[in-house]
Protein backbone atom coordinates (compact mmCIF):
# COMPACT_ATOMS: atom_id res chain seq x y z
CA MET A 1 3.41 -44.61 55.57
CA PRO A 2 3.24 -45.44 51.84
CA GLN A 3 4.50 -42.85 49.34
CA ILE A 4 1.56 -40.96 47.81
CA PHE A 5 3.33 -39.28 44.89
CA LYS A 6 5.75 -40.98 42.59
CA PRO A 7 9.21 -39.40 41.99
CA ALA A 8 8.16 -38.42 38.48
CA THR A 9 5.66 -35.99 40.02
CA ASN A 10 8.58 -33.68 40.87
CA TYR A 11 9.40 -33.34 37.16
CA LEU A 12 5.76 -32.70 36.33
CA ALA A 13 5.58 -29.98 38.96
CA ARG A 14 8.69 -28.28 37.61
CA ALA A 15 7.40 -28.55 34.05
CA SER A 16 4.05 -27.04 35.02
CA LEU A 17 5.77 -24.10 36.71
CA ILE A 18 7.98 -23.48 33.68
CA GLY A 19 4.98 -23.86 31.37
CA GLY A 20 3.00 -21.39 33.46
CA LEU A 21 5.79 -18.83 33.15
CA LEU A 22 6.27 -19.38 29.42
CA ALA A 23 2.58 -19.51 28.48
CA PRO A 24 2.01 -15.70 28.58
CA LEU A 25 5.12 -15.15 26.44
CA VAL A 26 4.07 -17.77 23.90
CA LEU A 27 0.51 -16.43 23.85
CA GLY A 28 1.73 -12.84 23.39
CA TYR A 29 4.03 -13.89 20.54
CA ALA A 30 1.21 -15.85 18.88
CA ILE A 31 -1.16 -12.88 19.08
CA ALA A 32 1.51 -10.53 17.69
CA ALA A 33 2.27 -12.94 14.84
CA LEU A 34 -1.42 -13.30 14.03
CA SER A 35 -1.95 -9.52 14.01
CA ARG A 36 0.87 -9.16 11.45
CA SER A 37 -0.19 -12.10 9.30
CA PRO A 38 -2.27 -11.83 6.09
CA ALA A 39 -5.16 -13.35 8.04
CA ASN A 40 -5.47 -10.00 9.80
CA THR A 41 -3.73 -7.46 7.55
CA LYS A 42 -5.12 -8.98 4.30
CA VAL A 43 -1.77 -8.24 2.59
CA GLN A 44 -1.60 -10.00 -0.81
CA VAL A 45 -5.13 -11.35 -0.36
CA PRO A 46 -7.10 -10.53 -3.56
CA LEU A 47 -10.43 -8.85 -2.91
CA ASN A 48 -13.25 -9.48 -5.37
CA GLN A 49 -15.27 -6.54 -6.64
CA PRO A 50 -18.90 -6.29 -7.78
CA ILE A 51 -17.51 -5.98 -11.33
CA PRO A 52 -14.36 -7.87 -12.36
CA PHE A 53 -11.64 -5.26 -12.77
CA SER A 54 -8.00 -5.81 -13.74
CA HIS A 55 -5.45 -3.09 -13.09
CA GLN A 56 -3.00 -5.04 -15.22
CA HIS A 57 -5.32 -4.86 -18.22
CA HIS A 58 -6.34 -1.21 -17.79
CA ALA A 59 -3.14 0.35 -16.42
CA TRP A 60 -0.48 -1.75 -18.14
CA GLU A 61 -1.97 -3.31 -21.28
CA LEU A 62 -4.11 -0.29 -22.21
CA GLY A 63 -1.85 2.33 -20.61
CA ILE A 64 -4.65 4.23 -18.86
CA ASP A 65 -3.21 6.81 -16.47
CA CYS A 66 -3.98 6.25 -12.76
CA ARG A 67 -5.51 9.73 -12.59
CA TYR A 68 -8.18 8.90 -15.15
CA CYS A 69 -10.01 6.87 -12.49
CA HIS A 70 -8.43 8.20 -9.29
CA THR A 71 -9.09 11.80 -10.19
CA THR A 72 -8.31 13.50 -6.87
CA VAL A 73 -5.09 11.70 -5.93
CA GLU A 74 -2.92 14.76 -6.72
CA LYS A 75 -5.02 17.38 -4.93
CA SER A 76 -6.94 15.69 -2.15
CA PRO A 77 -6.42 13.45 0.87
CA TYR A 78 -8.42 10.80 -0.99
CA ALA A 79 -7.43 9.19 -4.26
CA GLY A 80 -11.08 8.86 -5.26
CA LEU A 81 -13.00 5.96 -6.79
CA PRO A 82 -14.31 6.11 -10.36
CA PRO A 83 -17.99 6.89 -10.77
CA THR A 84 -20.02 4.81 -13.20
CA GLU A 85 -19.74 7.55 -15.82
CA THR A 86 -15.97 7.02 -15.94
CA CYS A 87 -16.42 3.33 -16.70
CA MET A 88 -19.09 4.06 -19.30
CA SER A 89 -16.89 6.57 -21.13
CA CYS A 90 -15.27 3.49 -22.65
CA HIS A 91 -17.80 0.75 -22.10
CA SER A 92 -20.60 2.57 -23.86
CA GLN A 93 -18.50 1.87 -26.97
CA ILE A 94 -16.71 -1.42 -26.25
CA TRP A 95 -17.86 -4.66 -24.62
CA THR A 96 -21.37 -3.22 -24.70
CA ASN A 97 -23.04 -6.64 -24.44
CA SER A 98 -20.68 -8.31 -21.99
CA PRO A 99 -22.62 -9.99 -19.17
CA LEU A 100 -19.71 -9.25 -16.80
CA LEU A 101 -20.39 -5.52 -17.24
CA GLU A 102 -24.13 -5.72 -16.70
CA PRO A 103 -23.83 -4.21 -13.16
CA ILE A 104 -22.14 -1.15 -14.69
CA ARG A 105 -24.93 -0.71 -17.25
CA GLN A 106 -27.56 -1.13 -14.52
CA SER A 107 -25.78 1.43 -12.34
CA TYR A 108 -25.64 3.91 -15.21
CA GLU A 109 -29.31 3.43 -16.13
CA THR A 110 -30.63 3.67 -12.57
CA GLY A 111 -28.19 6.27 -11.24
CA THR A 112 -27.24 3.94 -8.38
CA PRO A 113 -23.51 4.16 -7.55
CA ILE A 114 -21.41 1.01 -7.67
CA LYS A 115 -20.44 -0.16 -4.19
CA TRP A 116 -16.76 -0.95 -4.63
CA ASN A 117 -15.05 -3.00 -1.94
CA LEU A 118 -12.24 -0.91 -0.44
CA VAL A 119 -8.91 -2.72 -0.65
CA ASN A 120 -6.91 -0.08 1.23
CA LYS A 121 -8.51 1.73 4.13
CA THR A 122 -6.98 3.40 7.16
CA PRO A 123 -8.85 3.38 10.49
CA GLU A 124 -11.16 6.29 11.22
CA PHE A 125 -8.70 7.67 13.79
CA VAL A 126 -5.88 7.90 11.23
CA TYR A 127 -5.47 10.83 8.83
CA PHE A 128 -3.68 10.21 5.53
CA ASN A 129 -3.24 12.68 2.68
CA HIS A 130 -2.48 11.28 -0.77
CA SER A 131 -1.66 14.65 -2.31
CA ILE A 132 1.16 15.40 0.15
CA HIS A 133 2.89 12.10 -0.55
CA ILE A 134 2.43 12.41 -4.32
CA SER A 135 3.88 15.94 -4.34
CA ARG A 136 7.02 14.60 -2.62
CA GLY A 137 7.46 11.94 -5.28
CA ILE A 138 6.35 8.95 -3.21
CA ASN A 139 5.19 6.46 -5.84
CA CYS A 140 1.83 4.67 -5.61
CA ASN A 141 3.57 1.28 -5.63
CA THR A 142 5.64 2.14 -2.56
CA CYS A 143 2.47 1.79 -0.49
CA HIS A 144 0.12 -0.18 -2.72
CA GLY A 145 2.47 -2.78 -4.20
CA PRO A 146 2.82 -3.69 -7.91
CA VAL A 147 -0.62 -2.41 -8.90
CA GLN A 148 0.17 -2.54 -12.64
CA ASN A 149 0.55 -6.32 -12.34
CA MET A 150 -2.65 -7.01 -10.40
CA HIS A 151 -5.48 -8.82 -12.16
CA ILE A 152 -7.49 -8.74 -8.94
CA THR A 153 -6.41 -5.92 -6.65
CA PHE A 154 -4.91 -6.81 -3.30
CA LYS A 155 -3.37 -4.90 -0.42
CA GLY A 156 0.37 -4.37 -0.96
CA ASN A 157 1.40 -3.43 2.59
CA SER A 158 0.00 -3.74 6.09
CA PHE A 159 -0.44 0.01 6.77
CA GLN A 160 0.25 -0.71 10.43
CA MET A 161 1.76 2.19 12.36
CA ALA A 162 5.22 0.60 12.63
CA TRP A 163 5.33 0.29 8.83
CA CYS A 164 4.41 3.97 8.33
CA LEU A 165 6.96 5.12 10.90
CA GLN A 166 9.80 3.45 9.00
CA CYS A 167 9.43 6.20 6.41
CA HIS A 168 8.39 9.02 8.73
CA ARG A 169 11.48 8.53 10.90
CA ALA A 170 13.91 8.28 7.99
CA PRO A 171 12.24 9.74 4.87
CA GLU A 172 15.61 10.26 3.16
CA ARG A 173 15.67 6.49 2.60
CA TYR A 174 12.51 6.67 0.48
CA LEU A 175 12.78 9.94 -1.47
CA TYR A 176 14.58 9.76 -4.79
CA GLN A 177 15.07 11.83 -7.94
CA ASP A 178 14.80 10.35 -11.43
CA GLU A 179 18.27 11.24 -12.66
CA ALA A 180 17.26 10.60 -16.27
CA HIS A 181 14.61 13.34 -15.94
CA PRO A 182 15.82 15.70 -13.18
CA GLU A 183 13.66 18.53 -14.48
CA VAL A 184 10.34 16.92 -13.50
CA THR A 185 8.60 17.65 -10.22
CA GLY A 186 8.03 14.99 -7.59
CA ARG A 187 4.36 14.83 -8.59
CA SER A 188 5.16 14.29 -12.27
CA GLN A 189 7.87 11.77 -11.45
CA VAL A 190 5.32 9.48 -9.76
CA PHE A 191 3.32 9.04 -12.95
CA ASN A 192 6.23 9.34 -15.38
CA LEU A 193 7.63 6.10 -14.01
CA TYR A 194 4.69 4.18 -15.45
CA TRP A 195 5.14 5.87 -18.83
CA LYS A 196 8.85 5.00 -18.81
CA TYR A 197 7.91 1.40 -18.09
CA GLN A 198 5.33 1.44 -20.90
CA ALA A 199 7.82 2.94 -23.37
CA GLY A 200 10.48 0.38 -22.54
CA GLU A 201 12.95 2.99 -21.27
CA GLU A 202 15.87 1.80 -19.19
CA LEU A 203 14.98 1.82 -15.51
CA SER A 204 17.32 2.14 -12.57
CA PRO A 205 17.47 -0.68 -9.99
CA ARG A 206 15.59 1.58 -7.57
CA GLU A 207 12.81 2.20 -10.09
CA ARG A 208 12.46 -1.53 -10.72
CA GLN A 209 12.15 -2.12 -7.00
CA ILE A 210 9.41 0.51 -6.79
CA LEU A 211 7.47 -0.97 -9.69
CA GLU A 212 7.62 -4.42 -8.13
CA GLY A 213 6.43 -3.00 -4.81
CA GLU A 214 9.67 -4.08 -3.13
CA ASP A 215 11.16 -0.69 -2.23
CA GLN A 216 11.88 -0.81 1.50
CA GLY A 217 14.07 2.29 1.48
CA THR A 218 17.73 2.52 0.63
CA ASP A 219 20.69 2.05 2.96
CA ASN A 220 23.14 3.44 0.40
CA ALA A 221 24.91 6.45 1.94
CA GLU A 222 25.07 8.40 -1.34
CA MET A 223 21.39 7.87 -2.11
CA LYS A 224 20.40 8.84 1.43
CA GLU A 225 22.39 12.05 1.06
CA LYS A 226 20.45 12.80 -2.12
CA GLY A 227 17.28 12.05 -0.20
CA ARG A 228 18.25 14.62 2.43
CA ALA A 229 18.76 17.18 -0.31
CA LEU A 230 15.23 16.48 -1.52
CA LEU A 231 13.92 16.92 2.02
CA ASP A 232 15.43 20.40 2.04
CA LYS A 233 14.05 21.10 -1.43
CA TYR A 234 10.53 20.08 -0.42
CA GLY A 235 10.74 21.80 2.96
CA VAL A 236 10.00 18.61 4.89
CA LYS A 237 10.42 19.04 8.65
CA VAL A 238 11.67 15.59 9.59
CA GLN A 239 11.60 16.24 13.35
CA GLN A 240 7.80 16.62 13.17
CA LEU A 241 6.97 13.63 10.97
CA ALA A 242 6.85 11.15 13.85
CA ASP A 243 4.66 13.38 16.04
CA CYS A 244 1.36 11.73 16.94
CA ALA A 245 -0.60 14.77 15.73
CA VAL A 246 0.64 14.32 12.15
CA CYS A 247 -1.63 11.31 11.63
CA HIS A 248 -3.95 11.41 14.66
CA HIS A 249 -5.77 14.74 14.62
């Protein structure tokens, strides 16, 4: 009886079995990689707005305090978005004929709010409170990246749960005290850092990392010990920070 299958068919059969076993692993890895890529998280992907707005120009070149536009960041879960009146407090006097700012003038004249495109937004099932983090001295750039350098605002971090838990499980790695100004509160320290940068004051390596949006927490034993002291000072209950109910009410 003639041979139906060639000897090479044995190798193909083995390869297909191995491929069938590996395919779910490869597919799972590909899906995980895609979910963490900028294509999904939008990290470092600039998002256009209805009116061109540069944080670098307003926050760094002009030195406008974050709280001038984000008025509720110190006292509310939400940082707040500037109403048209905030924009017009300046632009009723300068750049009054700029075609780029025509949507602002139209919004002010008609009373129709500007529909800003949200760069950073947590899912509806996640609770986040800006004021709590600010009061503990967690700088804006730790989460949002180097905002003072952004011409077009982009997302600085993924805000995925694993990223948040890095801090919630070991907050002593992220808390720090400005040793040049130990008298200031955590809340004041957040915004003082930008003024120090503006004034050309000497910054510590940690402060430079924060400003560049590169602070991933310290592994220095001495600095972590200082972080633990701040946890005691602020009354932070570390054992509860990773509880589901903290963020998922």
